[in-house]
């Protein structure tokens, strides 16, 4: 899905590793999309994953915690190690 350039888009210079840039150029050509579209989608996906991670942390914030030492002791008591 090509978003194209609009007056609302912001311009930024990004320096890519040469091999990543080559891969982006090839993928852009094969998918008939621009490198900008590919990068924007990748950044959106990364931000979406960050948001999902933060939501999961928030949901688990009230869960009881156990120290590593207590975990090891429990595993030993229950014959797991």
PDB file of N, CA and C in Angstrom:
ATOM      1  N   UNK A   1       0.853  -1.168   0.000  1.00  0.00           N
ATOM      2  CA  UNK A   1       0.000   0.000   0.000  1.00  0.00           C
ATOM      3  C   UNK A   1       0.895   1.225   0.000  1.00  0.00           C
ATOM      4  N   UNK A   2       0.894   1.930  -1.056  1.00  0.00           N
ATOM      5  CA  UNK A   2       1.745   3.101  -1.211  1.00  0.00           C
ATOM      6  C   UNK A   2       1.054   4.331  -0.644  1.00  0.00           C
ATOM      7  N   UNK A   3       1.783   5.022   0.222  1.00  0.00           N
ATOM      8  CA  UNK A   3       1.207   6.202   0.847  1.00  0.00           C
ATOM      9  C   UNK A   3       1.571   7.466   0.075  1.00  0.00           C
ATOM     10  N   UNK A   4       2.639   7.429  -0.729  1.00  0.00           N
ATOM     11  CA  UNK A   4       3.043   8.575  -1.518  1.00  0.00           C
ATOM     12  C   UNK A   4       3.533   9.727  -0.663  1.00  0.00           C
ATOM     13  N   UNK A   5       3.903  10.798  -1.330  1.00  0.00           N
ATOM     14  CA  UNK A   5       4.402  11.987  -0.643  1.00  0.00           C
ATOM     15  C   UNK A   5       3.265  12.980  -0.514  1.00  0.00           C
ATOM     16  N   UNK A   6       3.066  13.452   0.699  1.00  0.00           N
ATOM     17  CA  UNK A   6       2.051  14.470   0.916  1.00  0.00           C
ATOM     18  C   UNK A   6       2.707  15.646   1.625  1.00  0.00           C
ATOM     19  N   UNK A   7       2.047  16.799   1.624  1.00  0.00           N
ATOM     20  CA  UNK A   7       2.615  17.965   2.306  1.00  0.00           C
ATOM     21  C   UNK A   7       2.811  17.728   3.801  1.00  0.00           C
ATOM     22  N   UNK A   8       2.122  16.740   4.371  1.00  0.00           N
ATOM     23  CA  UNK A   8       2.237  16.445   5.799  1.00  0.00           C
ATOM     24  C   UNK A   8       3.462  15.590   6.124  1.00  0.00           C
ATOM     25  N   UNK A   9       4.020  14.893   5.118  1.00  0.00           N
ATOM     26  CA  UNK A   9       5.182  14.038   5.354  1.00  0.00           C
ATOM     27  C   UNK A   9       6.384  14.876   5.734  1.00  0.00           C
ATOM     28  N   UNK A  10       7.222  14.325   6.615  1.00  0.00           N
ATOM     29  CA  UNK A  10       8.456  14.990   7.031  1.00  0.00           C
ATOM     30  C   UNK A  10       9.631  14.276   6.396  1.00  0.00           C
ATOM     31  N   UNK A  11      10.604  15.037   6.010  1.00  0.00           N
ATOM     32  CA  UNK A  11      11.783  14.488   5.356  1.00  0.00           C
ATOM     33  C   UNK A  11      12.887  14.284   6.379  1.00  0.00           C
ATOM     34  N   UNK A  12      13.611  13.164   6.248  1.00  0.00           N
ATOM     35  CA  UNK A  12      14.721  12.862   7.138  1.00  0.00           C
ATOM     36  C   UNK A  12      15.782  12.110   6.350  1.00  0.00           C
ATOM     37  N   UNK A  13      17.017  12.330   6.700  1.00  0.00           N
ATOM     38  CA  UNK A  13      18.104  11.597   6.063  1.00  0.00           C
ATOM     39  C   UNK A  13      18.456  10.418   6.945  1.00  0.00           C
ATOM     40  N   UNK A  14      18.470   9.236   6.365  1.00  0.00           N
ATOM     41  CA  UNK A  14      18.803   8.016   7.088  1.00  0.00           C
ATOM     42  C   UNK A  14      19.956   7.352   6.349  1.00  0.00           C
ATOM     43  N   UNK A  15      20.948   6.915   7.120  1.00  0.00           N
ATOM     44  CA  UNK A  15      22.091   6.222   6.535  1.00  0.00           C
ATOM     45  C   UNK A  15      21.946   4.730   6.801  1.00  0.00           C
ATOM     46  N   UNK A  16      21.907   3.941   5.728  1.00  0.00           N
ATOM     47  CA  UNK A  16      21.753   2.506   5.834  1.00  0.00           C
ATOM     48  C   UNK A  16      23.077   1.805   5.602  1.00  0.00           C
ATOM     49  N   UNK A  17      23.231   0.675   6.240  1.00  0.00           N
ATOM     50  CA  UNK A  17      24.315  -0.238   5.913  1.00  0.00           C
ATOM     51  C   UNK A  17      24.145  -0.560   4.417  1.00  0.00           C
ATOM     52  N   UNK A  18      25.231  -0.619   3.655  1.00  0.00           N
ATOM     53  CA  UNK A  18      25.097  -0.850   2.212  1.00  0.00           C
ATOM     54  C   UNK A  18      24.276  -2.090   1.840  1.00  0.00           C
ATOM     55  N   UNK A  19      24.453  -3.177   2.587  1.00  0.00           N
ATOM     56  CA  UNK A  19      23.696  -4.396   2.266  1.00  0.00           C
ATOM     57  C   UNK A  19      22.205  -4.228   2.567  1.00  0.00           C
ATOM     58  N   UNK A  20      21.871  -3.509   3.645  1.00  0.00           N
ATOM     59  CA  UNK A  20      20.461  -3.242   3.940  1.00  0.00           C
ATOM     60  C   UNK A  20      19.848  -2.367   2.854  1.00  0.00           C
ATOM     61  N   UNK A  21      20.603  -1.378   2.414  1.00  0.00           N
ATOM     62  CA  UNK A  21      20.096  -0.492   1.366  1.00  0.00           C
ATOM     63  C   UNK A  21      19.844  -1.267   0.078  1.00  0.00           C
ATOM     64  N   UNK A  22      20.768  -2.162  -0.246  1.00  0.00           N
ATOM     65  CA  UNK A  22      20.604  -2.989  -1.441  1.00  0.00           C
ATOM     66  C   UNK A  22      19.340  -3.840  -1.319  1.00  0.00           C
ATOM     67  N   UNK A  23      19.144  -4.458  -0.140  1.00  0.00           N
ATOM     68  CA  UNK A  23      17.958  -5.286   0.076  1.00  0.00           C
ATOM     69  C   UNK A  23      16.683  -4.451  -0.033  1.00  0.00           C
ATOM     70  N   UNK A  24      16.716  -3.233   0.532  1.00  0.00           N
ATOM     71  CA  UNK A  24      15.546  -2.348   0.430  1.00  0.00           C
ATOM     72  C   UNK A  24      15.254  -1.978  -1.019  1.00  0.00           C
ATOM     73  N   UNK A  25      16.289  -1.648  -1.783  1.00  0.00           N
ATOM     74  CA  UNK A  25      16.082  -1.291  -3.191  1.00  0.00           C
ATOM     75  C   UNK A  25      15.461  -2.447  -3.960  1.00  0.00           C
ATOM     76  N   UNK A  26      15.971  -3.651  -3.707  1.00  0.00           N
ATOM     77  CA  UNK A  26      15.451  -4.825  -4.406  1.00  0.00           C
ATOM     78  C   UNK A  26      14.001  -5.092  -3.989  1.00  0.00           C
ATOM     79  N   UNK A  27      13.734  -5.037  -2.684  1.00  0.00           N
ATOM     80  CA  UNK A  27      12.357  -5.273  -2.227  1.00  0.00           C
ATOM     81  C   UNK A  27      11.418  -4.207  -2.769  1.00  0.00           C
ATOM     82  N   UNK A  28      11.855  -2.960  -2.779  1.00  0.00           N
ATOM     83  CA  UNK A  28      11.026  -1.879  -3.313  1.00  0.00           C
ATOM     84  C   UNK A  28      10.688  -2.146  -4.780  1.00  0.00           C
ATOM     85  N   UNK A  29      11.689  -2.546  -5.547  1.00  0.00           N
ATOM     86  CA  UNK A  29      11.457  -2.825  -6.968  1.00  0.00           C
ATOM     87  C   UNK A  29      10.516  -4.015  -7.152  1.00  0.00           C
ATOM     88  N   UNK A  30      10.727  -5.066  -6.351  1.00  0.00           N
ATOM     89  CA  UNK A  30       9.906  -6.276  -6.487  1.00  0.00           C
ATOM     90  C   UNK A  30       8.470  -6.072  -6.029  1.00  0.00           C
ATOM     91  N   UNK A  31       8.260  -5.166  -5.104  1.00  0.00           N
ATOM     92  CA  UNK A  31       6.910  -4.944  -4.580  1.00  0.00           C
ATOM     93  C   UNK A  31       6.253  -3.699  -5.164  1.00  0.00           C
ATOM     94  N   UNK A  32       6.992  -3.013  -6.049  1.00  0.00           N
ATOM     95  CA  UNK A  32       6.504  -1.772  -6.664  1.00  0.00           C
ATOM     96  C   UNK A  32       6.104  -0.750  -5.610  1.00  0.00           C
ATOM     97  N   UNK A  33       6.927  -0.665  -4.562  1.00  0.00           N
ATOM     98  CA  UNK A  33       6.722   0.304  -3.488  1.00  0.00           C
ATOM     99  C   UNK A  33       8.002   1.118  -3.357  1.00  0.00           C
ATOM    100  N   UNK A  34       7.900   2.238  -2.681  1.00  0.00           N
ATOM    101  CA  UNK A  34       9.091   3.053  -2.471  1.00  0.00           C
ATOM    102  C   UNK A  34       9.824   2.595  -1.217  1.00  0.00           C
ATOM    103  N   UNK A  35      11.104   2.914  -1.152  1.00  0.00           N
ATOM    104  CA  UNK A  35      11.878   2.636   0.054  1.00  0.00           C
ATOM    105  C   UNK A  35      11.237   3.355   1.235  1.00  0.00           C
ATOM    106  N   UNK A  36      10.768   4.568   1.026  1.00  0.00           N
ATOM    107  CA  UNK A  36      10.101   5.309   2.105  1.00  0.00           C
ATOM    108  C   UNK A  36       8.906   4.551   2.648  1.00  0.00           C
ATOM    109  N   UNK A  37       8.088   3.980   1.769  1.00  0.00           N
ATOM    110  CA  UNK A  37       6.927   3.203   2.213  1.00  0.00           C
ATOM    111  C   UNK A  37       7.366   1.991   3.034  1.00  0.00           C
ATOM    112  N   UNK A  38       8.402   1.289   2.560  1.00  0.00           N
ATOM    113  CA  UNK A  38       8.892   0.119   3.278  1.00  0.00           C
ATOM    114  C   UNK A  38       9.412   0.497   4.657  1.00  0.00           C
ATOM    115  N   UNK A  39      10.176   1.578   4.736  1.00  0.00           N
ATOM    116  CA  UNK A  39      10.740   2.015   6.017  1.00  0.00           C
ATOM    117  C   UNK A  39       9.628   2.492   6.948  1.00  0.00           C
ATOM    118  N   UNK A  40       8.685   3.277   6.433  1.00  0.00           N
ATOM    119  CA  UNK A  40       7.570   3.735   7.265  1.00  0.00           C
ATOM    120  C   UNK A  40       6.799   2.551   7.840  1.00  0.00           C
ATOM    121  N   UNK A  41       6.524   1.540   7.023  1.00  0.00           N
ATOM    122  CA  UNK A  41       5.801   0.367   7.510  1.00  0.00           C
ATOM    123  C   UNK A  41       6.606  -0.382   8.570  1.00  0.00           C
ATOM    124  N   UNK A  42       7.921  -0.504   8.364  1.00  0.00           N
ATOM    125  CA  UNK A  42       8.767  -1.199   9.337  1.00  0.00           C
ATOM    126  C   UNK A  42       8.801  -0.448  10.663  1.00  0.00           C
ATOM    127  N   UNK A  43       8.877   0.880  10.606  1.00  0.00           N
ATOM    128  CA  UNK A  43       8.891   1.682  11.830  1.00  0.00           C
ATOM    129  C   UNK A  43       7.542   1.577  12.535  1.00  0.00           C
ATOM    130  N   UNK A  44       6.456   1.646  11.773  1.00  0.00           N
ATOM    131  CA  UNK A  44       5.124   1.486  12.378  1.00  0.00           C
ATOM    132  C   UNK A  44       5.018   0.155  13.101  1.00  0.00           C
ATOM    133  N   UNK A  45       5.496  -0.916  12.456  1.00  0.00           N
ATOM    134  CA  UNK A  45       5.433  -2.251  13.055  1.00  0.00           C
ATOM    135  C   UNK A  45       6.269  -2.300  14.332  1.00  0.00           C
ATOM    136  N   UNK A  46       7.457  -1.725  14.318  1.00  0.00           N
ATOM    137  CA  UNK A  46       8.314  -1.716  15.510  1.00  0.00           C
ATOM    138  C   UNK A  46       7.650  -0.944  16.645  1.00  0.00           C
ATOM    139  N   UNK A  47       7.050   0.195  16.335  1.00  0.00           N
ATOM    140  CA  UNK A  47       6.366   0.989  17.360  1.00  0.00           C
ATOM    141  C   UNK A  47       5.145   0.261  17.899  1.00  0.00           C
ATOM    142  N   UNK A  48       4.412  -0.430  17.011  1.00  0.00           N
ATOM    143  CA  UNK A  48       3.241  -1.203  17.424  1.00  0.00           C
ATOM    144  C   UNK A  48       3.678  -2.312  18.387  1.00  0.00           C
ATOM    145  N   UNK A  49       4.792  -2.987  18.079  1.00  0.00           N
ATOM    146  CA  UNK A  49       5.303  -4.043  18.958  1.00  0.00           C
ATOM    147  C   UNK A  49       5.736  -3.463  20.299  1.00  0.00           C
ATOM    148  N   UNK A  50       6.373  -2.289  20.275  1.00  0.00           N
ATOM    149  CA  UNK A  50       6.748  -1.629  21.531  1.00  0.00           C
ATOM    150  C   UNK A  50       5.514  -1.337  22.368  1.00  0.00           C
ATOM    151  N   UNK A  51       4.462  -0.835  21.729  1.00  0.00           N
ATOM    152  CA  UNK A  51       3.230  -0.504  22.442  1.00  0.00           C
ATOM    153  C   UNK A  51       2.615  -1.760  23.034  1.00  0.00           C
ATOM    154  N   UNK A  52       2.629  -2.853  22.286  1.00  0.00           N
ATOM    155  CA  UNK A  52       2.085  -4.117  22.782  1.00  0.00           C
ATOM    156  C   UNK A  52       2.909  -4.618  23.972  1.00  0.00           C
ATOM    157  N   UNK A  53       4.241  -4.484  23.892  1.00  0.00           N
ATOM    158  CA  UNK A  53       5.102  -4.893  25.005  1.00  0.00           C
ATOM    159  C   UNK A  53       4.804  -4.066  26.247  1.00  0.00           C
ATOM    160  N   UNK A  54       4.664  -2.756  26.075  1.00  0.00           N
ATOM    161  CA  UNK A  54       4.379  -1.887  27.210  1.00  0.00           C
ATOM    162  C   UNK A  54       3.033  -2.229  27.836  1.00  0.00           C
ATOM    163  N   UNK A  55       2.047  -2.543  26.988  1.00  0.00           N
ATOM    164  CA  UNK A  55       0.728  -2.921  27.508  1.00  0.00           C
ATOM    165  C   UNK A  55       0.838  -4.220  28.303  1.00  0.00           C
ATOM    166  N   UNK A  56       1.635  -5.173  27.824  1.00  0.00           N
ATOM    167  CA  UNK A  56       1.805  -6.433  28.539  1.00  0.00           C
ATOM    168  C   UNK A  56       2.501  -6.201  29.875  1.00  0.00           C
ATOM    169  N   UNK A  57       3.517  -5.334  29.890  1.00  0.00           N
ATOM    170  CA  UNK A  57       4.199  -5.011  31.149  1.00  0.00           C
ATOM    171  C   UNK A  57       3.223  -4.394  32.133  1.00  0.00           C
ATOM    172  N   UNK A  58       2.385  -3.495  31.618  1.00  0.00           N
ATOM    173  CA  UNK A  58       1.406  -2.816  32.467  1.00  0.00           C
ATOM    174  C   UNK A  58       0.427  -3.827  33.078  1.00  0.00           C
ATOM    175  N   UNK A  59      -0.045  -4.773  32.261  1.00  0.00           N
ATOM    176  CA  UNK A  59      -0.980  -5.791  32.737  1.00  0.00           C
ATOM    177  C   UNK A  59      -0.352  -6.662  33.818  1.00  0.00           C
ATOM    178  N   UNK A  60       0.964  -6.901  33.708  1.00  0.00           N
ATOM    179  CA  UNK A  60       1.630  -7.808  34.634  1.00  0.00           C
ATOM    180  C   UNK A  60       2.261  -7.090  35.817  1.00  0.00           C
ATOM    181  N   UNK A  61       2.133  -5.785  35.894  1.00  0.00           N
ATOM    182  CA  UNK A  61       2.788  -5.009  36.940  1.00  0.00           C
ATOM    183  C   UNK A  61       2.365  -5.448  38.336  1.00  0.00           C
ATOM    184  N   UNK A  62       1.133  -5.878  38.507  1.00  0.00           N
ATOM    185  CA  UNK A  62       0.629  -6.247  39.826  1.00  0.00           C
ATOM    186  C   UNK A  62       0.918  -7.708  40.188  1.00  0.00           C
ATOM    187  N   UNK A  63       1.487  -8.465  39.260  1.00  0.00           N
ATOM    188  CA  UNK A  63       1.772  -9.867  39.550  1.00  0.00           C
ATOM    189  C   UNK A  63       2.859  -9.975  40.619  1.00  0.00           C
ATOM    190  N   UNK A  64       2.748 -10.983  41.474  1.00  0.00           N
ATOM    191  CA  UNK A  64       3.805 -11.160  42.477  1.00  0.00           C
ATOM    192  C   UNK A  64       5.122 -11.543  41.803  1.00  0.00           C
ATOM    193  N   UNK A  65       6.206 -11.131  42.409  1.00  0.00           N
ATOM    194  CA  UNK A  65       7.514 -11.459  41.857  1.00  0.00           C
ATOM    195  C   UNK A  65       8.212 -12.454  42.770  1.00  0.00           C
ATOM    196  N   UNK A  66       9.193 -13.127  42.229  1.00  0.00           N
ATOM    197  CA  UNK A  66       9.979 -14.088  42.986  1.00  0.00           C
ATOM    198  C   UNK A  66      11.438 -13.834  42.650  1.00  0.00           C
ATOM    199  N   UNK A  67      12.282 -13.931  43.641  1.00  0.00           N
ATOM    200  CA  UNK A  67      13.704 -13.731  43.377  1.00  0.00           C
ATOM    201  C   UNK A  67      14.254 -14.958  42.668  1.00  0.00           C
ATOM    202  N   UNK A  68      15.364 -14.789  42.028  1.00  0.00           N
ATOM    203  CA  UNK A  68      16.019 -15.891  41.335  1.00  0.00           C
ATOM    204  C   UNK A  68      16.393 -16.987  42.336  1.00  0.00           C
ATOM    205  N   UNK A  69      16.892 -16.560  43.492  1.00  0.00           N
ATOM    206  CA  UNK A  69      17.286 -17.521  44.518  1.00  0.00           C
ATOM    207  C   UNK A  69      16.083 -18.345  44.986  1.00  0.00           C
ATOM    208  N   UNK A  70      14.947 -17.679  45.202  1.00  0.00           N
ATOM    209  CA  UNK A  70      13.742 -18.383  45.635  1.00  0.00           C
ATOM    210  C   UNK A  70      13.251 -19.339  44.554  1.00  0.00           C
ATOM    211  N   UNK A  71      13.369 -18.929  43.304  1.00  0.00           N
ATOM    212  CA  UNK A  71      12.971 -19.792  42.197  1.00  0.00           C
ATOM    213  C   UNK A  71      13.825 -21.049  42.178  1.00  0.00           C
ATOM    214  N   UNK A  72      15.139 -20.887  42.309  1.00  0.00           N
ATOM    215  CA  UNK A  72      16.035 -22.047  42.309  1.00  0.00           C
ATOM    216  C   UNK A  72      15.717 -22.981  43.481  1.00  0.00           C
ATOM    217  N   UNK A  73      15.460 -22.407  44.660  1.00  0.00           N
ATOM    218  CA  UNK A  73      15.132 -23.213  45.833  1.00  0.00           C
ATOM    219  C   UNK A  73      13.846 -24.000  45.589  1.00  0.00           C
ATOM    220  N   UNK A  74      12.838 -23.335  45.023  1.00  0.00           N
ATOM    221  CA  UNK A  74      11.573 -24.004  44.726  1.00  0.00           C
ATOM    222  C   UNK A  74      11.761 -25.132  43.713  1.00  0.00           C
ATOM    223  N   UNK A  75      12.560 -24.879  42.679  1.00  0.00           N
ATOM    224  CA  UNK A  75      12.806 -25.913  41.685  1.00  0.00           C
ATOM    225  C   UNK A  75      13.494 -27.127  42.312  1.00  0.00           C
ATOM    226  N   UNK A  76      14.448 -26.872  43.207  1.00  0.00           N
ATOM    227  CA  UNK A  76      15.162 -27.963  43.872  1.00  0.00           C
ATOM    228  C   UNK A  76      14.216 -28.742  44.792  1.00  0.00           C
ATOM    229  N   UNK A  77      13.408 -28.027  45.580  1.00  0.00           N
ATOM    230  CA  UNK A  77      12.462 -28.673  46.499  1.00  0.00           C
ATOM    231  C   UNK A  77      11.493 -29.569  45.737  1.00  0.00           C
ATOM    232  N   UNK A  78      11.092 -29.141  44.543  1.00  0.00           N
ATOM    233  CA  UNK A  78      10.126 -29.914  43.745  1.00  0.00           C
ATOM    234  C   UNK A  78      10.787 -30.890  42.785  1.00  0.00           C
ATOM    235  N   UNK A  79      12.104 -31.102  42.944  1.00  0.00           N
ATOM    236  CA  UNK A  79      12.812 -32.091  42.154  1.00  0.00           C
ATOM    237  C   UNK A  79      12.981 -31.742  40.687  1.00  0.00           C
ATOM    238  N   UNK A  80      12.911 -30.470  40.362  1.00  0.00           N
ATOM    239  CA  UNK A  80      13.031 -30.046  38.965  1.00  0.00           C
ATOM    240  C   UNK A  80      14.494 -29.854  38.555  1.00  0.00           C
ATOM    241  N   UNK A  81      15.357 -29.604  39.558  1.00  0.00           N
ATOM    242  CA  UNK A  81      16.789 -29.482  39.265  1.00  0.00           C
ATOM    243  C   UNK A  81      17.583 -30.268  40.292  1.00  0.00           C
TER     244      UNK A  81
END
